[in-house]
Amino acid sequence: MIRWTAFIATCLPASVCLAQTEIGRLFFNSDAQGGTPSVGEFDWRPTPDVRAFDNPDLLRPVGAVERMYLYWEFHLANMRMSVIDIDVRVVGEGMIAAWHIYNTNISIQTRWNGIGNRAGASDVREIKGVAMINVTQFGAQNNATAANHDPHYNRSTEDGGSVRGTALLGWVDLRLDGPWAELFLDVGPGLIARQNGPNDPVYFGFGDASVPVFPANGTSTLFDARLRSPEPGALVLLLAGYFAARAKRRSLPATSP
């Protein structure tokens, strides 16, 4: 299935590959950046306002697990994504503890025909070929009518929803095992393509250059999400301040009622 979609993505007419308008953005958002946690696959989760957004960069103790929600941001009107195939990898001292890509039921369809792996768990450094493939199903789109509206799509994020909106695709749980751990998104073997459109580049995260949707393995140079533990020196200062304040309170004379 992945090889077939790669063929579709790379065999569009050469004449439509001249434009270089970025078709969208894949990015992570965490509960710490606002919004309410998603309890289940079909629960609505407000999508972030990407106009004032940045890549998650959170201070957490070693051993902490943070859920990073994966979104697709549409950059063109009336878009329908046929393939979003990505790899997700960890750099630094951390692991992917669990992950889930949604295949939401929409009217009589699902979002994707096939997914490389719908969910996985237990201490991996990289997720390979998370292929979200649409041939006859709904896909990820921002031109849905009210009758078959994607419950994970938010039209009101930017421009009144006329162009930019975001769709929640799933989540990745990142565990911090040392001083820092970063998540990077890479173009997967099935590539990234929109229906009836050129293979224009996409953005991974914020603050970085766009990435070609083919060949595979294209990636951003900046992390797309990061966890960091407080520096040891900062912890020492915090503990020293705590014990100094505690000693001072003990040394103060008792006051009569």
Protein backbone atom coordinates (compact mmCIF):
# COMPACT_ATOMS: atom_id res chain seq x y z
CA MET A 1 0.00 0.00 0.00
CA ILE A 2 2.76 2.45 0.90
CA ARG A 3 4.66 1.76 -2.35
CA TRP A 4 1.47 2.36 -4.35
CA THR A 5 0.82 5.71 -2.67
CA ALA A 6 4.41 6.75 -3.21
CA PHE A 7 3.88 6.05 -6.91
CA ILE A 8 0.80 8.30 -6.93
CA ALA A 9 2.60 11.06 -5.08
CA THR A 10 5.60 11.09 -7.40
CA CYS A 11 3.90 10.55 -10.76
CA LEU A 12 1.88 13.72 -11.02
CA PRO A 13 2.48 15.80 -14.17
CA ALA A 14 5.73 17.68 -14.04
CA SER A 15 3.99 20.87 -15.14
CA VAL A 16 2.14 21.15 -11.82
CA CYS A 17 5.31 20.85 -9.75
CA LEU A 18 6.56 24.34 -10.55
CA ALA A 19 4.72 26.21 -7.80
CA GLN A 20 6.29 26.25 -4.38
CA THR A 21 3.44 27.22 -2.09
CA GLU A 22 3.62 25.33 1.19
CA ILE A 23 0.44 23.28 1.38
CA GLY A 24 0.36 22.87 5.13
CA ARG A 25 2.08 22.22 8.41
CA LEU A 26 2.43 19.23 10.74
CA PHE A 27 3.03 20.27 14.32
CA PHE A 28 2.77 19.12 17.92
CA ASN A 29 0.82 20.74 20.73
CA SER A 30 0.66 19.67 24.38
CA ASP A 31 -1.88 20.12 27.14
CA ALA A 32 0.59 22.48 28.80
CA GLN A 33 0.14 24.88 25.87
CA GLY A 34 -3.59 25.23 26.37
CA GLY A 35 -6.75 23.37 25.55
CA THR A 36 -8.34 20.45 27.32
CA PRO A 37 -7.09 16.85 27.27
CA SER A 38 -8.67 14.47 24.79
CA VAL A 39 -10.17 11.52 26.65
CA GLY A 40 -10.98 9.40 23.61
CA GLU A 41 -10.59 9.30 19.86
CA PHE A 42 -13.97 10.86 19.13
CA ASP A 43 -13.91 13.58 21.77
CA TRP A 44 -13.63 17.14 20.52
CA ARG A 45 -10.38 18.87 21.36
CA PRO A 46 -9.96 22.60 20.69
CA THR A 47 -7.16 23.20 18.24
CA PRO A 48 -4.60 25.85 19.07
CA ASP A 49 -4.41 29.30 17.58
CA VAL A 50 -1.30 28.81 15.48
CA ARG A 51 -0.82 32.54 14.91
CA ALA A 52 0.70 32.76 18.40
CA PHE A 53 2.18 29.31 18.63
CA ASP A 54 5.55 27.63 19.01
CA ASN A 55 6.98 24.14 19.26
CA PRO A 56 6.42 22.51 22.67
CA ASP A 57 9.51 23.04 24.85
CA LEU A 58 8.66 21.94 28.38
CA LEU A 59 10.53 21.51 31.66
CA ARG A 60 9.73 18.13 33.19
CA PRO A 61 11.40 15.85 35.76
CA VAL A 62 13.26 12.79 34.52
CA GLY A 63 10.79 9.96 34.04
CA ALA A 64 7.90 12.25 33.10
CA VAL A 65 5.68 11.39 30.11
CA GLU A 66 4.11 14.18 28.07
CA ARG A 67 1.41 13.68 25.45
CA MET A 68 2.16 15.59 22.24
CA TYR A 69 -0.91 15.98 19.99
CA LEU A 70 -0.21 15.91 16.26
CA TYR A 71 -2.05 18.41 14.03
CA TRP A 72 -2.26 19.17 10.33
CA GLU A 73 -2.66 22.86 9.51
CA PHE A 74 -4.20 23.64 6.10
CA HIS A 75 -2.61 26.46 4.14
CA LEU A 76 -4.88 26.41 1.07
CA ALA A 77 -8.63 26.53 0.63
CA ASN A 78 -10.57 23.38 -0.29
CA MET A 79 -7.77 20.96 0.45
CA ARG A 80 -8.01 17.21 0.79
CA MET A 81 -4.93 15.30 1.87
CA SER A 82 -4.52 11.93 0.17
CA VAL A 83 -1.36 10.77 1.94
CA ILE A 84 0.35 11.95 5.11
CA ASP A 85 3.14 9.45 5.70
CA ILE A 86 5.65 10.38 8.38
CA ASP A 87 8.31 8.93 10.64
CA VAL A 88 8.60 10.21 14.21
CA ARG A 89 11.96 9.84 15.97
CA VAL A 90 13.51 10.73 19.30
CA VAL A 91 16.83 12.53 19.61
CA GLY A 92 18.48 12.72 23.03
CA GLU A 93 17.63 10.71 26.12
CA GLY A 94 14.02 9.67 25.84
CA MET A 95 11.60 7.17 24.37
CA ILE A 96 8.20 7.08 22.68
CA ALA A 97 6.10 5.38 25.34
CA ALA A 98 2.88 5.13 23.28
CA TRP A 99 1.24 6.63 20.20
CA HIS A 100 -2.09 6.64 18.37
CA ILE A 101 -3.20 7.90 14.95
CA TYR A 102 -6.96 8.47 14.71
CA ASN A 103 -9.06 6.88 11.99
CA THR A 104 -12.17 8.84 12.86
CA ASN A 105 -15.61 7.79 11.65
CA ILE A 106 -17.11 10.58 9.57
CA SER A 107 -20.66 10.03 8.34
CA ILE A 108 -20.49 6.67 6.50
CA GLN A 109 -16.74 6.91 5.92
CA THR A 110 -13.61 6.80 7.96
CA ARG A 111 -10.83 9.34 7.59
CA TRP A 112 -8.23 6.97 6.14
CA ASN A 113 -8.31 3.80 4.03
CA GLY A 114 -5.22 2.46 5.70
CA ILE A 115 -2.75 3.33 8.39
CA GLY A 116 0.74 1.84 8.65
CA ASN A 117 0.13 1.16 12.31
CA ARG A 118 -2.86 2.67 14.04
CA ALA A 119 -1.34 2.56 17.50
CA GLY A 120 1.75 1.33 19.29
CA ALA A 121 3.52 1.50 22.60
CA SER A 122 6.37 0.48 24.83
CA ASP A 123 9.69 2.19 24.53
CA VAL A 124 10.65 2.79 20.92
CA ARG A 125 13.03 5.41 19.60
CA GLU A 126 11.35 5.79 16.22
CA ILE A 127 7.97 5.17 14.59
CA LYS A 128 8.48 4.21 10.96
CA GLY A 129 5.95 4.75 8.18
CA VAL A 130 2.91 6.12 10.00
CA ALA A 131 0.99 6.06 6.72
CA MET A 132 -2.33 7.91 6.68
CA ILE A 133 -3.73 6.98 3.27
CA ASN A 134 -6.93 8.19 1.59
CA VAL A 135 -8.13 6.75 -1.70
CA THR A 136 -11.91 6.59 -1.36
CA GLN A 137 -12.37 7.78 2.22
CA PHE A 138 -12.69 11.22 3.79
CA GLY A 139 -9.04 12.01 4.36
CA ALA A 140 -8.00 15.23 6.08
CA GLN A 141 -9.80 18.15 4.47
CA ASN A 142 -11.06 21.67 5.13
CA ASN A 143 -13.95 21.73 2.65
CA ALA A 144 -16.31 19.41 4.53
CA THR A 145 -20.01 20.16 4.68
CA ALA A 146 -21.97 20.11 7.91
CA ALA A 147 -23.32 16.65 7.05
CA ASN A 148 -19.90 15.01 7.05
CA HIS A 149 -17.87 17.43 9.11
CA ASP A 150 -14.66 16.08 10.59
CA PRO A 151 -15.07 16.20 14.40
CA HIS A 152 -11.36 16.89 14.80
CA TYR A 153 -11.27 19.86 12.42
CA ASN A 154 -11.44 23.44 13.63
CA ARG A 155 -12.42 26.05 11.05
CA SER A 156 -12.13 29.01 13.41
CA THR A 157 -8.38 28.89 13.98
CA GLU A 158 -7.34 31.45 11.39
CA ASP A 159 -8.90 33.62 8.69
CA GLY A 160 -12.38 32.79 9.92
CA GLY A 161 -11.79 29.22 8.76
CA SER A 162 -11.85 30.22 5.08
CA VAL A 163 -8.37 28.83 4.46
CA ARG A 164 -6.38 27.86 7.50
CA GLY A 165 -7.76 25.43 9.96
CA THR A 166 -6.30 22.51 11.87
CA ALA A 167 -7.19 18.83 12.09
CA LEU A 168 -6.14 16.64 15.01
CA LEU A 169 -4.48 13.50 13.63
CA GLY A 170 -3.38 11.69 16.78
CA TRP A 171 -0.79 11.83 19.57
CA VAL A 172 2.65 10.67 20.67
CA ASP A 173 3.68 10.13 24.30
CA LEU A 174 7.28 11.28 24.86
CA ARG A 175 9.11 10.10 27.98
CA LEU A 176 12.12 11.98 29.34
CA ASP A 177 14.96 9.68 30.47
CA GLY A 178 17.75 12.21 30.87
CA PRO A 179 18.58 15.91 30.55
CA TRP A 180 16.62 16.38 27.31
CA ALA A 181 14.68 14.54 24.60
CA GLU A 182 13.42 15.91 21.27
CA LEU A 183 10.87 14.72 18.72
CA PHE A 184 11.49 15.17 14.99
CA LEU A 185 9.05 14.60 12.13
CA ASP A 186 10.41 13.10 8.90
CA VAL A 187 8.80 12.44 5.52
CA GLY A 188 7.88 8.74 5.44
CA PRO A 189 8.21 6.25 2.57
CA GLY A 190 4.64 6.91 1.36
CA LEU A 191 5.44 10.64 1.06
CA ILE A 192 2.93 13.49 1.56
CA ALA A 193 0.42 14.49 -1.12
CA ARG A 194 -2.86 16.34 -1.54
CA GLN A 195 -5.60 15.24 -3.86
CA ASN A 196 -5.46 16.69 -7.39
CA GLY A 197 -2.65 19.04 -6.52
CA PRO A 198 1.10 19.53 -6.93
CA ASN A 199 3.66 18.09 -4.55
CA ASP A 200 4.46 21.38 -2.86
CA PRO A 201 6.49 21.41 0.38
CA VAL A 202 5.18 21.37 3.94
CA TYR A 203 6.33 22.75 7.27
CA PHE A 204 7.30 20.58 10.22
CA GLY A 205 6.74 22.59 13.38
CA PHE A 206 7.42 26.31 13.66
CA GLY A 207 10.43 28.53 13.07
CA ASP A 208 12.05 26.34 10.43
CA ALA A 209 12.29 26.17 6.65
CA SER A 210 9.77 24.13 4.69
CA VAL A 211 10.50 20.50 3.78
CA PRO A 212 9.98 18.87 0.34
CA VAL A 213 7.28 16.18 0.46
CA PHE A 214 9.52 13.86 -1.57
CA PRO A 215 11.87 12.05 -1.50
CA ALA A 216 11.42 10.27 1.82
CA ASN A 217 13.48 11.14 4.92
CA GLY A 218 13.18 14.90 4.49
CA THR A 219 13.12 16.56 7.90
CA SER A 220 13.28 19.86 9.71
CA THR A 221 16.47 21.09 11.33
CA LEU A 222 14.74 22.28 14.52
CA PHE A 223 13.06 19.97 17.02
CA ASP A 224 9.28 19.72 16.70
CA ALA A 225 8.77 19.03 20.42
CA ARG A 226 11.15 18.89 23.37
CA LEU A 227 11.23 17.92 27.05
CA ARG A 228 14.01 19.15 29.32
CA SER A 229 14.77 18.45 32.96
CA PRO A 230 15.67 21.40 35.21
CA GLU A 231 19.42 21.95 35.30
CA PRO A 232 21.17 20.46 38.36
CA GLY A 233 22.52 23.88 39.32
CA ALA A 234 19.01 25.34 39.34
CA LEU A 235 17.78 22.49 41.53
CA VAL A 236 20.63 23.05 43.98
CA LEU A 237 19.75 26.76 44.23
CA LEU A 238 16.07 25.98 44.75
CA LEU A 239 16.84 23.45 47.48
CA ALA A 240 19.31 25.82 49.14
CA GLY A 241 16.71 28.59 49.17
CA TYR A 242 14.10 26.24 50.58
CA PHE A 243 16.29 25.05 53.45
CA ALA A 244 17.51 28.59 54.20
CA ALA A 245 13.92 29.84 54.46
CA ARG A 246 13.01 26.87 56.62
CA ALA A 247 15.96 27.52 58.96
CA LYS A 248 15.05 31.18 59.21
CA ARG A 249 11.49 30.36 60.20
CA ARG A 250 12.74 28.04 62.92
CA SER A 251 15.07 30.71 64.29
CA LEU A 252 12.37 33.35 64.64
CA PRO A 253 11.12 33.89 68.22
CA ALA A 254 7.72 32.47 68.92
CA THR A 255 4.93 35.03 69.18
CA SER A 256 2.32 34.92 71.89
CA PRO A 257 -1.31 34.64 70.80
